[in-house]
Protein backbone atom coordinates (compact mmCIF):
# COMPACT_ATOMS: atom_id res chain seq x y z
CA UNK A 1 2.35 14.43 -8.92
CA UNK A 2 5.00 11.78 -8.92
CA UNK A 3 4.58 11.07 -5.31
CA UNK A 4 1.18 9.99 -6.04
CA UNK A 5 2.26 7.04 -8.75
CA UNK A 6 3.41 5.00 -5.69
CA UNK A 7 -0.25 3.86 -4.81
CA UNK A 8 -0.71 1.73 -7.70
CA UNK A 9 3.20 0.75 -7.38
CA UNK A 10 3.05 -0.36 -3.56
CA UNK A 11 -0.47 -2.22 -4.56
CA UNK A 12 1.52 -4.80 -6.43
CA UNK A 13 4.28 -4.74 -4.51
CA UNK A 14 2.09 -5.60 -1.15
CA UNK A 15 -0.15 -8.23 -3.16
CA UNK A 16 3.25 -10.01 -3.92
CA UNK A 17 3.52 -10.69 0.62
CA UNK A 18 7.40 -9.85 -0.32
CA UNK A 19 8.28 -9.32 3.52
CA UNK A 20 10.36 -12.71 4.64
CA UNK A 21 10.27 -13.94 8.22
CA UNK A 22 13.69 -13.45 10.15
CA UNK A 23 14.12 -15.94 12.68
CA UNK A 24 11.79 -18.54 14.52
CA UNK A 25 8.63 -17.99 16.58
CA UNK A 26 7.86 -16.78 19.82
CA UNK A 27 7.33 -13.66 21.22
CA UNK A 28 8.72 -10.24 19.23
CA UNK A 29 12.01 -8.83 20.66
CA UNK A 30 12.97 -6.53 23.96
CA UNK A 31 15.53 -3.89 24.61
CA UNK A 32 18.01 -6.25 25.61
CA UNK A 33 18.51 -8.35 22.80
CA UNK A 34 21.44 -8.71 20.61
CA UNK A 35 23.22 -5.37 18.94
CA UNK A 36 22.89 -3.54 15.69
CA UNK A 37 24.94 -0.32 14.99
CA UNK A 38 28.09 0.60 16.75
CA UNK A 39 28.18 4.19 18.68
CA UNK A 40 30.29 6.32 16.79
CA UNK A 41 32.00 9.45 18.89
CA UNK A 42 29.61 10.81 21.43
CA UNK A 43 26.26 9.89 19.24
CA UNK A 44 24.49 6.76 18.85
CA UNK A 45 24.41 5.57 15.66
CA UNK A 46 21.05 3.86 13.72
CA UNK A 47 20.95 2.18 10.63
CA UNK A 48 17.48 3.29 8.28
CA UNK A 49 16.59 0.55 5.75
CA UNK A 50 13.93 2.02 3.06
CA UNK A 51 12.57 0.41 -0.11
CA UNK A 52 13.68 2.79 -2.91
CA UNK A 53 12.26 3.42 -6.20
CA UNK A 54 14.76 5.62 -7.45
CA UNK A 55 18.58 4.78 -8.41
CA UNK A 56 20.11 3.34 -5.18
CA UNK A 57 23.17 6.44 -4.88
CA UNK A 58 26.79 4.71 -4.80
CA UNK A 59 27.49 6.57 -1.79
CA UNK A 60 24.70 8.49 1.10
CA UNK A 61 27.23 9.95 3.46
CA UNK A 62 26.84 13.92 2.39
CA UNK A 63 22.86 12.95 2.97
CA UNK A 64 23.30 11.52 5.89
CA UNK A 65 26.06 14.39 7.52
CA UNK A 66 23.05 16.80 6.31
CA UNK A 67 20.39 14.77 8.86
CA UNK A 68 22.90 14.21 11.49
CA UNK A 69 23.79 17.98 11.92
CA UNK A 70 19.99 18.38 12.60
CA UNK A 71 19.40 14.99 14.92
CA UNK A 72 22.58 15.45 16.71
CA UNK A 73 21.30 18.52 18.12
CA UNK A 74 17.99 17.05 18.83
CA UNK A 75 18.22 13.78 20.14
CA UNK A 76 21.99 13.10 20.04
CA UNK A 77 21.58 9.97 17.61
CA UNK A 78 23.44 9.86 13.74
CA UNK A 79 21.68 8.10 11.08
CA UNK A 80 23.38 5.81 8.46
CA UNK A 81 20.38 5.44 5.51
CA UNK A 82 20.68 2.13 3.62
CA UNK A 83 18.12 2.24 0.72
CA UNK A 84 17.23 -0.61 -1.44
CA UNK A 85 15.92 -1.54 -3.99
CA UNK A 86 12.16 -2.82 -4.27
CA UNK A 87 13.41 -5.86 -5.64
CA UNK A 88 15.71 -6.38 -2.99
CA UNK A 89 14.24 -4.95 -0.17
CA UNK A 90 12.57 -7.75 1.02
CA UNK A 91 15.12 -10.35 1.49
CA UNK A 92 17.90 -7.75 2.64
CA UNK A 93 15.86 -6.54 5.43
CA UNK A 94 15.38 -9.34 6.75
CA UNK A 95 18.86 -10.48 6.53
CA UNK A 96 20.12 -7.27 7.80
CA UNK A 97 17.95 -7.56 10.84
CA UNK A 98 18.28 -11.36 11.66
CA UNK A 99 22.10 -9.88 11.86
CA UNK A 100 21.88 -7.06 13.57
CA UNK A 101 22.60 -4.69 10.98
CA UNK A 102 19.66 -2.53 10.93
CA UNK A 103 17.55 -0.27 13.40
CA UNK A 104 14.89 0.80 11.47
CA UNK A 105 12.97 -0.75 8.58
CA UNK A 106 9.47 -0.75 7.20
CA UNK A 107 6.86 -3.22 6.41
CA UNK A 108 5.58 -3.86 2.96
CA UNK A 109 2.10 -4.97 3.72
CA UNK A 110 2.96 -8.06 5.96
CA UNK A 111 3.53 -6.53 9.49
CA UNK A 112 1.93 -9.48 11.04
CA UNK A 113 4.65 -12.02 9.70
CA UNK A 114 7.12 -9.72 10.90
CA UNK A 115 5.81 -9.94 14.50
CA UNK A 116 5.34 -13.89 14.42
CA UNK A 117 8.65 -14.25 13.15
CA UNK A 118 10.19 -11.94 15.98
CA UNK A 119 11.67 -9.35 13.55
CA UNK A 120 9.63 -6.14 15.32
CA UNK A 121 10.62 -4.75 19.05
CA UNK A 122 7.86 -4.22 21.42
CA UNK A 123 7.72 -0.31 21.71
CA UNK A 124 4.68 -0.14 23.63
CA UNK A 125 6.39 1.63 26.69
CA UNK A 126 8.85 3.53 24.70
CA UNK A 127 6.73 5.61 22.93
CA UNK A 128 5.74 8.40 25.95
CA UNK A 129 9.63 9.16 26.20
CA UNK A 130 11.20 8.79 22.51
CA UNK A 131 7.90 9.34 20.27
CA UNK A 132 5.23 11.15 22.07
CA UNK A 133 5.22 13.75 19.10
CA UNK A 134 4.11 11.03 16.84
CA UNK A 135 2.41 8.73 19.20
CA UNK A 136 -0.10 12.40 19.65
CA UNK A 137 0.11 12.41 15.61
CA UNK A 138 -1.15 8.78 14.97
CA UNK A 139 -3.43 8.80 17.83
CA UNK A 140 -4.63 5.17 19.57
CA UNK A 141 -6.98 4.15 17.42
CA UNK A 142 -4.43 3.78 14.45
CA UNK A 143 -1.70 2.72 16.88
CA UNK A 144 -4.43 -0.24 17.64
CA UNK A 145 -4.20 -1.30 13.78
CA UNK A 146 0.35 -2.25 14.59
CA UNK A 147 -0.65 -3.86 17.55
CA UNK A 148 -0.80 -7.67 18.73
CA UNK A 149 -2.10 -8.89 22.31
CA UNK A 150 -2.21 -4.56 23.53
CA UNK A 151 1.45 -4.29 22.74
CA UNK A 152 2.46 -1.57 20.00
CA UNK A 153 4.65 -2.67 17.32
CA UNK A 154 5.30 -0.53 14.62
CA UNK A 155 4.14 2.92 13.76
CA UNK A 156 2.26 3.40 10.72
CA UNK A 157 3.26 5.59 8.16
CA UNK A 158 1.04 9.00 7.73
CA UNK A 159 -0.15 9.19 4.39
CA UNK A 160 -3.70 9.72 2.83
CA UNK A 161 -5.24 6.06 3.77
CA UNK A 162 -8.65 6.14 2.53
CA UNK A 163 -8.64 4.13 -0.73
CA UNK A 164 -11.88 5.12 -2.83
CA UNK A 165 -11.69 2.88 -6.44
CA UNK A 166 -12.10 4.95 -9.27
CA UNK A 167 -12.11 4.63 -13.49
CA UNK A 168 -9.61 5.57 -14.98
CA UNK A 169 -10.05 6.57 -18.68
CA UNK A 170 -8.60 8.48 -21.47
CA UNK A 171 -9.97 11.93 -21.93
CA UNK A 172 -9.03 12.20 -25.50
CA UNK A 173 -11.31 9.25 -26.86
CA UNK A 174 -13.89 10.60 -24.56
CA UNK A 175 -13.99 13.89 -26.07
CA UNK A 176 -13.65 12.29 -29.51
CA UNK A 177 -16.35 9.97 -29.20
CA UNK A 178 -18.89 12.22 -27.18
CA UNK A 179 -19.03 9.95 -24.12
CA UNK A 180 -21.26 10.84 -21.23
CA UNK A 181 -18.62 10.06 -19.01
CA UNK A 182 -21.11 12.05 -15.71
CA UNK A 183 -23.34 9.37 -16.20
CA UNK A 184 -21.47 6.69 -14.39
CA UNK A 185 -21.90 6.57 -11.06
CA UNK A 186 -22.12 2.71 -10.62
CA UNK A 187 -20.14 0.28 -12.53
CA UNK A 188 -23.12 -1.48 -14.09
CA UNK A 189 -23.02 1.96 -16.24
CA UNK A 190 -19.82 1.19 -17.75
CA UNK A 191 -21.45 -1.30 -20.41
CA UNK A 192 -23.14 1.69 -22.40
CA UNK A 193 -19.61 3.52 -21.87
CA UNK A 194 -18.08 0.69 -23.03
CA UNK A 195 -20.09 -0.53 -25.95
CA UNK A 196 -20.05 3.23 -27.56
CA UNK A 197 -15.99 2.86 -27.14
CA UNK A 198 -15.66 -0.66 -29.21
CA UNK A 199 -18.52 0.19 -31.62
CA UNK A 200 -16.63 3.89 -32.56
CA UNK A 201 -13.19 2.45 -32.07
CA UNK A 202 -12.82 -1.56 -32.80
CA UNK A 203 -9.18 -1.01 -32.71
CA UNK A 204 -9.82 -0.37 -29.24
CA UNK A 205 -10.19 -2.34 -26.21
CA UNK A 206 -12.15 -0.33 -23.60
CA UNK A 207 -11.06 -2.17 -20.52
CA UNK A 208 -7.39 -2.97 -19.47
CA UNK A 209 -7.19 -4.93 -16.40
CA UNK A 210 -4.65 -3.17 -13.93
CA UNK A 211 -2.26 -5.88 -13.10
CA UNK A 212 -2.43 -10.16 -13.99
CA UNK A 213 -5.85 -11.14 -13.54
CA UNK A 214 -7.14 -8.38 -12.20
CA UNK A 215 -10.19 -6.54 -13.34
CA UNK A 216 -10.52 -4.27 -10.47
CA UNK A 217 -14.17 -6.00 -9.73
CA UNK A 218 -13.08 -7.14 -5.96
CA UNK A 219 -12.51 -3.21 -5.01
CA UNK A 220 -16.56 -2.81 -5.96
CA UNK A 221 -18.13 -4.63 -3.11
CA UNK A 222 -19.14 -2.09 -0.59
CA UNK A 223 -17.52 -1.47 2.98
CA UNK A 224 -16.04 -5.11 2.81
CA UNK A 225 -13.18 -5.89 5.58
CA UNK A 226 -10.50 -8.18 4.29
CA UNK A 227 -9.31 -9.03 8.13
CA UNK A 228 -6.00 -9.09 6.79
CA UNK A 229 -6.31 -9.96 3.18
CA UNK A 230 -6.41 -8.14 0.05
CA UNK A 231 -8.17 -7.66 -3.11
CA UNK A 232 -6.35 -9.96 -4.67
CA UNK A 233 -6.35 -12.27 -1.78
CA UNK A 234 -9.84 -11.94 -0.59
CA UNK A 235 -9.66 -15.32 2.36
CA UNK A 236 -12.53 -14.77 4.47
CA UNK A 237 -14.09 -11.18 4.93
CA UNK A 238 -16.93 -9.40 6.75
CA UNK A 239 -19.45 -6.63 5.36
CA UNK A 240 -20.91 -3.68 6.39
CA UNK A 241 -21.62 -3.93 10.72
CA UNK A 242 -22.36 -7.89 9.88
CA UNK A 243 -19.17 -9.42 12.22
CA UNK A 244 -19.40 -12.73 11.01
CA UNK A 245 -16.46 -13.83 8.58
CA UNK A 246 -18.00 -15.13 5.34
CA UNK A 247 -16.02 -16.26 2.44
CA UNK A 248 -15.78 -13.08 -0.35
CA UNK A 249 -17.49 -15.39 -2.93
CA UNK A 250 -20.35 -15.79 -1.33
CA UNK A 251 -21.34 -12.39 -1.58
CA UNK A 252 -24.16 -11.35 -3.56
CA UNK A 253 -22.61 -8.20 -4.83
CA UNK A 254 -19.13 -10.44 -5.91
CA UNK A 255 -21.89 -12.77 -8.30
CA UNK A 256 -23.12 -10.03 -9.32
CA UNK A 257 -20.13 -8.26 -10.49
CA UNK A 258 -18.69 -11.58 -11.81
CA UNK A 259 -21.63 -11.79 -13.91
CA UNK A 260 -21.52 -8.06 -15.33
CA UNK A 261 -17.62 -8.70 -16.25
CA UNK A 262 -18.21 -12.37 -17.94
CA UNK A 263 -21.08 -10.14 -20.17
CA UNK A 264 -17.86 -7.24 -21.17
CA UNK A 265 -15.41 -10.05 -21.83
CA UNK A 266 -18.12 -11.82 -24.25
CA UNK A 267 -18.75 -8.44 -25.48
CA UNK A 268 -15.37 -7.71 -26.27
CA UNK A 269 -15.08 -4.99 -23.76
CA UNK A 270 -12.25 -6.40 -22.15
CA UNK A 271 -8.97 -7.63 -22.40
CA UNK A 272 -9.48 -11.18 -23.43
CA UNK A 273 -5.82 -12.45 -22.07
CA UNK A 274 -6.31 -10.21 -18.60
CA UNK A 275 -6.84 -13.42 -16.50
CA UNK A 276 -2.74 -14.15 -17.52
CA UNK A 277 -1.19 -11.10 -19.16
CA UNK A 278 2.21 -9.78 -17.20
CA UNK A 279 1.68 -6.60 -18.42
CA UNK A 280 0.46 -3.81 -15.94
CA UNK A 281 -2.15 -1.19 -16.75
CA UNK A 282 0.16 1.92 -17.34
CA UNK A 283 1.92 0.03 -20.50
CA UNK A 284 -1.09 -1.28 -21.76
CA UNK A 285 -2.80 2.20 -21.45
CA UNK A 286 0.41 3.70 -23.24
CA UNK A 287 0.02 1.39 -25.61
CA UNK A 288 -2.82 3.18 -27.27
CA UNK A 289 -4.78 -0.13 -27.78
CA UNK A 290 -6.96 0.72 -24.54
CA UNK A 291 -9.73 3.37 -22.98
CA UNK A 292 -10.07 2.44 -19.17
CA UNK A 293 -8.87 0.39 -16.18
CA UNK A 294 -9.81 0.45 -12.26
CA UNK A 295 -8.10 0.98 -9.57
CA UNK A 296 -8.46 2.14 -6.09
CA UNK A 297 -6.24 5.39 -4.73
CA UNK A 298 -6.53 7.68 -1.75
CA UNK A 299 -6.01 11.11 -3.75
CA UNK A 300 -8.63 13.55 -4.71
CA UNK A 301 -10.09 12.67 -8.80
CA UNK A 302 -8.27 15.32 -10.25
CA UNK A 303 -4.84 15.18 -8.79
CA UNK A 304 -4.70 11.35 -9.07
CA UNK A 305 -5.75 11.56 -12.79
CA UNK A 306 -2.79 14.48 -13.19
CA UNK A 307 -0.58 11.89 -11.15
CA UNK A 308 -1.18 8.71 -13.84
CA UNK A 309 -1.39 11.21 -17.12
CA UNK A 310 2.33 10.85 -18.10
CA UNK A 311 2.29 7.31 -16.76
CA UNK A 312 -0.01 6.42 -18.95
CA UNK A 313 1.08 8.11 -22.37
CA UNK A 314 -2.20 10.37 -22.41
CA UNK A 315 -4.31 13.05 -20.75
CA UNK A 316 -6.62 10.65 -18.57
CA UNK A 317 -9.71 11.47 -16.03
CA UNK A 318 -11.01 9.80 -12.73
CA UNK A 319 -14.24 9.14 -12.02
CA UNK A 320 -15.33 7.52 -8.47
CA UNK A 321 -16.87 4.25 -8.58
CA UNK A 322 -17.33 3.74 -4.65
CA UNK A 323 -16.84 5.01 -1.46
CA UNK A 324 -13.28 5.12 0.23
CA UNK A 325 -13.20 2.55 3.30
CA UNK A 326 -10.98 2.13 6.23
CA UNK A 327 -10.05 -1.01 7.75
CA UNK A 328 -6.90 -2.22 9.57
CA UNK A 329 -5.01 -2.84 6.37
CA UNK A 330 -5.50 0.29 5.45
CA UNK A 331 -3.54 1.74 7.96
CA UNK A 332 -0.81 -0.54 8.97
CA UNK A 333 0.12 -2.38 5.29
CA UNK A 334 2.99 0.51 5.87
CA UNK A 335 4.18 0.38 9.56
CA UNK A 336 7.72 1.68 10.53
CA UNK A 337 9.49 -0.55 12.99
CA UNK A 338 12.30 -1.13 15.20
CA UNK A 339 14.21 -4.04 14.32
CA UNK A 340 14.41 -6.67 17.28
CA UNK A 341 18.27 -6.67 17.11
CA UNK A 342 18.56 -3.03 17.66
CA UNK A 343 21.18 -2.78 20.14
CA UNK A 344 19.94 1.19 20.63
CA UNK A 345 16.21 0.96 20.29
CA UNK A 346 15.61 3.89 22.23
CA UNK A 347 17.56 6.01 19.73
CA UNK A 348 16.13 4.88 16.86
CA UNK A 349 13.16 5.43 17.99
CA UNK A 350 13.79 8.81 18.73
CA UNK A 351 15.23 9.37 15.06
CA UNK A 352 11.89 7.63 13.64
CA UNK A 353 10.13 10.62 15.46
CA UNK A 354 11.94 12.99 13.75
CA UNK A 355 10.66 11.55 10.13
CA UNK A 356 7.05 12.42 11.25
CA UNK A 357 8.04 15.87 12.86
CA UNK A 358 10.97 17.46 11.32
CA UNK A 359 10.08 18.62 7.96
CA UNK A 360 14.01 18.91 7.20
CA UNK A 361 14.85 15.16 8.43
CA UNK A 362 12.30 13.59 6.26
CA UNK A 363 12.41 16.28 3.15
CA UNK A 364 16.68 15.60 3.28
CA UNK A 365 15.90 11.86 3.23
CA UNK A 366 13.88 11.92 0.43
CA UNK A 367 15.26 14.66 -1.84
CA UNK A 368 18.87 14.86 -1.14
CA UNK A 369 21.09 17.96 -0.47
CA UNK A 370 19.75 21.38 -2.10
CA UNK A 371 21.77 22.80 -4.73
CA UNK A 372 22.63 19.30 -5.86
CA UNK A 373 19.71 16.79 -6.15
CA UNK A 374 16.77 19.47 -5.92
CA UNK A 375 16.11 22.95 -5.85
CA UNK A 376 13.52 25.31 -4.06
CA UNK A 377 10.99 27.13 -5.36
CA UNK A 378 9.36 29.89 -4.16
CA UNK A 379 6.00 28.10 -3.71
CA UNK A 380 7.54 25.49 -1.65
CA UNK A 381 7.33 23.02 -4.32
CA UNK A 382 11.00 21.31 -5.50
CA UNK A 383 12.31 20.23 -8.75
CA UNK A 384 15.53 19.09 -10.01
CA UNK A 385 18.25 20.88 -11.08
CA UNK A 386 18.32 22.62 -14.70
CA UNK A 387 19.25 19.62 -17.05
CA UNK A 388 18.85 17.10 -14.45
CA UNK A 389 16.06 14.25 -13.69
CA UNK A 390 15.61 11.63 -10.83
CA UNK A 391 17.97 9.19 -12.98
CA UNK A 392 20.97 11.61 -13.35
CA UNK A 393 21.36 13.30 -9.82
CA UNK A 394 23.71 12.07 -7.26
CA UNK A 395 20.83 11.07 -4.80
CA UNK A 396 16.73 10.79 -4.43
CA UNK A 397 14.66 9.04 -2.77
CA UNK A 398 11.43 11.37 -3.85
CA UNK A 399 9.18 8.04 -5.24
CA UNK A 400 9.57 6.37 -1.17
CA UNK A 401 7.25 9.64 -0.35
CA UNK A 402 4.08 7.36 0.58
CA UNK A 403 6.71 4.45 2.48
CA UNK A 404 8.28 6.88 4.85
CA UNK A 405 7.49 8.90 7.74
CA UNK A 406 4.46 11.54 7.95
CA UNK A 407 3.40 12.34 4.16
CA UNK A 408 2.13 15.72 5.06
CA UNK A 409 4.84 17.25 5.88
CA UNK A 410 6.75 16.79 3.04
CA UNK A 411 8.00 19.28 0.40
CA UNK A 412 5.74 18.38 -3.23
CA UNK A 413 7.42 18.06 -6.57
CA UNK A 414 5.98 20.95 -8.88
CA UNK A 415 3.38 20.69 -10.76
CA UNK A 416 2.30 18.05 -7.60
CA UNK A 417 -0.91 18.50 -5.44
CA UNK A 418 -2.13 21.61 -3.98
CA UNK A 419 -2.20 22.25 -0.04
CA UNK A 420 -6.29 22.03 -0.73
CA UNK A 421 -5.48 18.66 -1.95
CA UNK A 422 -3.40 17.60 1.37
CA UNK A 423 -6.37 19.26 3.64
CA UNK A 424 -8.82 17.09 1.55
CA UNK A 425 -6.36 13.74 2.07
CA UNK A 426 -5.82 14.10 5.88
CA UNK A 427 -9.81 15.09 6.23
CA UNK A 428 -10.29 11.92 4.12
CA UNK A 429 -8.70 10.22 6.71
CA UNK A 430 -10.73 10.85 9.39
CA UNK A 431 -13.80 11.30 7.44
CA UNK A 432 -14.00 7.88 5.99
CA UNK A 433 -16.44 5.32 6.64
CA UNK A 434 -14.61 2.73 8.89
CA UNK A 435 -14.67 -0.99 9.73
CA UNK A 436 -16.36 -2.51 13.23
CA UNK A 437 -13.18 -4.43 13.16
CA UNK A 438 -10.58 -1.80 12.90
CA UNK A 439 -7.91 -2.83 14.53
CA UNK A 440 -8.22 -6.54 14.16
CA UNK A 441 -5.18 -8.47 12.81
CA UNK A 442 -5.65 -11.93 11.77
CA UNK A 443 -2.58 -14.58 12.72
CA UNK A 444 -2.95 -17.31 10.56
CA UNK A 445 -0.10 -19.12 11.73
CA UNK A 446 -2.84 -22.44 12.93
CA UNK A 447 -3.85 -22.64 9.59
CA UNK A 448 -0.68 -22.27 7.27
CA UNK A 449 -1.47 -25.32 5.46
CA UNK A 450 -4.59 -24.33 4.39
CA UNK A 451 -3.89 -20.78 3.35
CA UNK A 452 -0.90 -22.34 0.97
CA UNK A 453 -3.76 -25.07 -0.42
CA UNK A 454 -6.37 -22.22 -1.12
CA UNK A 455 -3.66 -20.02 -2.48
CA UNK A 456 -3.08 -22.02 -5.34
CA UNK A 457 -6.77 -22.57 -5.54
CA UNK A 458 -7.24 -18.74 -5.69
CA UNK A 459 -4.37 -18.53 -8.48
CA UNK A 460 -6.58 -21.09 -10.44
CA UNK A 461 -9.84 -20.21 -10.24
CA UNK A 462 -9.75 -16.21 -9.12
CA UNK A 463 -8.12 -14.69 -12.18
CA UNK A 464 -10.60 -16.17 -14.95
CA UNK A 465 -13.69 -15.60 -12.83
CA UNK A 466 -12.65 -11.22 -12.19
CA UNK A 467 -12.10 -11.29 -15.77
CA UNK A 468 -14.69 -12.73 -17.15
CA UNK A 469 -12.96 -15.04 -19.44
CA UNK A 470 -15.11 -18.36 -17.73
CA UNK A 471 -18.77 -18.49 -16.84
CA UNK A 472 -19.03 -17.41 -13.04
CA UNK A 473 -22.53 -19.94 -13.04
CA UNK A 474 -19.80 -22.81 -13.59
CA UNK A 475 -17.10 -21.54 -12.50
CA UNK A 476 -18.09 -20.15 -8.79
CA UNK A 477 -19.65 -23.67 -7.23
CA UNK A 478 -16.65 -25.38 -8.74
CA UNK A 479 -14.32 -22.55 -7.51
CA UNK A 480 -16.00 -22.85 -3.98
CA UNK A 481 -16.02 -26.98 -3.63
CA UNK A 482 -12.18 -26.56 -4.49
CA UNK A 483 -12.01 -23.76 -1.75
CA UNK A 484 -13.82 -26.80 0.81
CA UNK A 485 -11.73 -29.60 0.05
CA UNK A 486 -8.46 -26.90 0.50
CA UNK A 487 -9.68 -26.08 4.26
CA UNK A 488 -11.01 -22.93 3.24
CA UNK A 489 -13.66 -24.06 6.17
CA UNK A 490 -10.73 -24.04 8.49
CA UNK A 491 -9.79 -20.62 8.10
CA UNK A 492 -13.21 -18.63 7.88
CA UNK A 493 -13.68 -20.48 11.23
CA UNK A 494 -10.14 -19.46 13.25
CA UNK A 495 -11.02 -15.82 11.64
CA UNK A 496 -14.31 -16.08 13.61
CA UNK A 497 -12.70 -17.53 16.21
CA UNK A 498 -10.26 -15.29 16.40
CA UNK A 499 -12.77 -12.16 15.41
CA UNK A 500 -14.82 -12.93 18.45
CA UNK A 501 -12.33 -12.90 20.91
CA UNK A 502 -10.68 -9.89 19.65
CA UNK A 503 -14.61 -8.46 20.02
CA UNK A 504 -14.99 -9.67 24.05
CA UNK A 505 -12.14 -7.86 24.58
CA UNK A 506 -13.00 -4.30 23.10
CA UNK A 507 -15.91 -4.55 25.41
């Protein structure tokens, strides 16, 4: 289940806006631009940068050779792996791209900025020749999410996309107190449950935040497309089939949810300093002082609960608090890109194609060398060699499973999700309700000044409203006035203008 803990980690990463720009503005690079990796012997060598949540190995040459035995024969390409720590990824991959030292990299929630800053290569005309299998696998609809002006600038990582809001709760407390968790169909139903917890166990706070200033409430509004934003910075949205760009904070559901959380705060049902704490949900849960938290995941309820039990320190359960929904950001948040400075873009794209189609290649990137870094079990799962773990084996990048290539051909860790889970996740990708603006990407270059000012206002007001520490009836009007003074209307107008133009193009 360690594979699925990644969702929470990535949500925090992308909310932080880690990717940095490369170079100046202008159109994205062409195949003829400056060089990257040098050829080695009869094979073109490409460098593949990716974020790793495991210990970065001192030497990747043995793993590279195992991969190259496959890639030389299949595509005449050798790869050099560049795993980077999450703390350093943004800066290092940006510098590597500027200096022509990387051929393949991935976005972390900021693809549009990478395109605008000339970091990514237009691969539209290369896909049919260099990655036809992956193009077919992803499909034209999802490739629209990585496109701008009709040109494709990357390939979405193929993984469970459809996020569903869930309550993650301690099963031991629910059983001890006789809580009817099946009664929860809606966030409003949580009040009675939380009150029972507080009455029976005054030492337990019913709700922990999932992160700083994030009670989870912004996930409860139905069918919202954040139009390039996310739960933490919902700047201009559409809801349902209405293509009118609105302030997220003007939605009736947002105001109702804010009032609900305020009621919890006044009753002591949510962490008092949720708006400012630097602790994340798993850490707070493991302290033993909290009952539950709300976040969004893209896996079956049972799998999600199983994956989060160990980091939470308790056996936890999961309950759906709404339906999953797909928008552009759901698909393109993590996108594999060819650097605009690559000397061997065709070779790079051919290798990238293998990470979507060849199980041996992608799993060697993730797990390393069989017998040294992992062992293969009879049921198709993998585990660490006896007496070893992720911190002691020579190489592993297994926590990057949701970042790289095709999740659905990756070997599961022992005790991880079943074949049935994978089938469910793939089905959800194709059956989840989809935004009518799927494929639309907002270009914020014309309102950067306003965005900076609005972001400052968000930091001032949004956490307190989300976590109930301020009265929404007073705070929301003040918030909306501060947003207006910061140029919020300019952003909404720019989004509406671009969305209208995009819709006209679709027709």
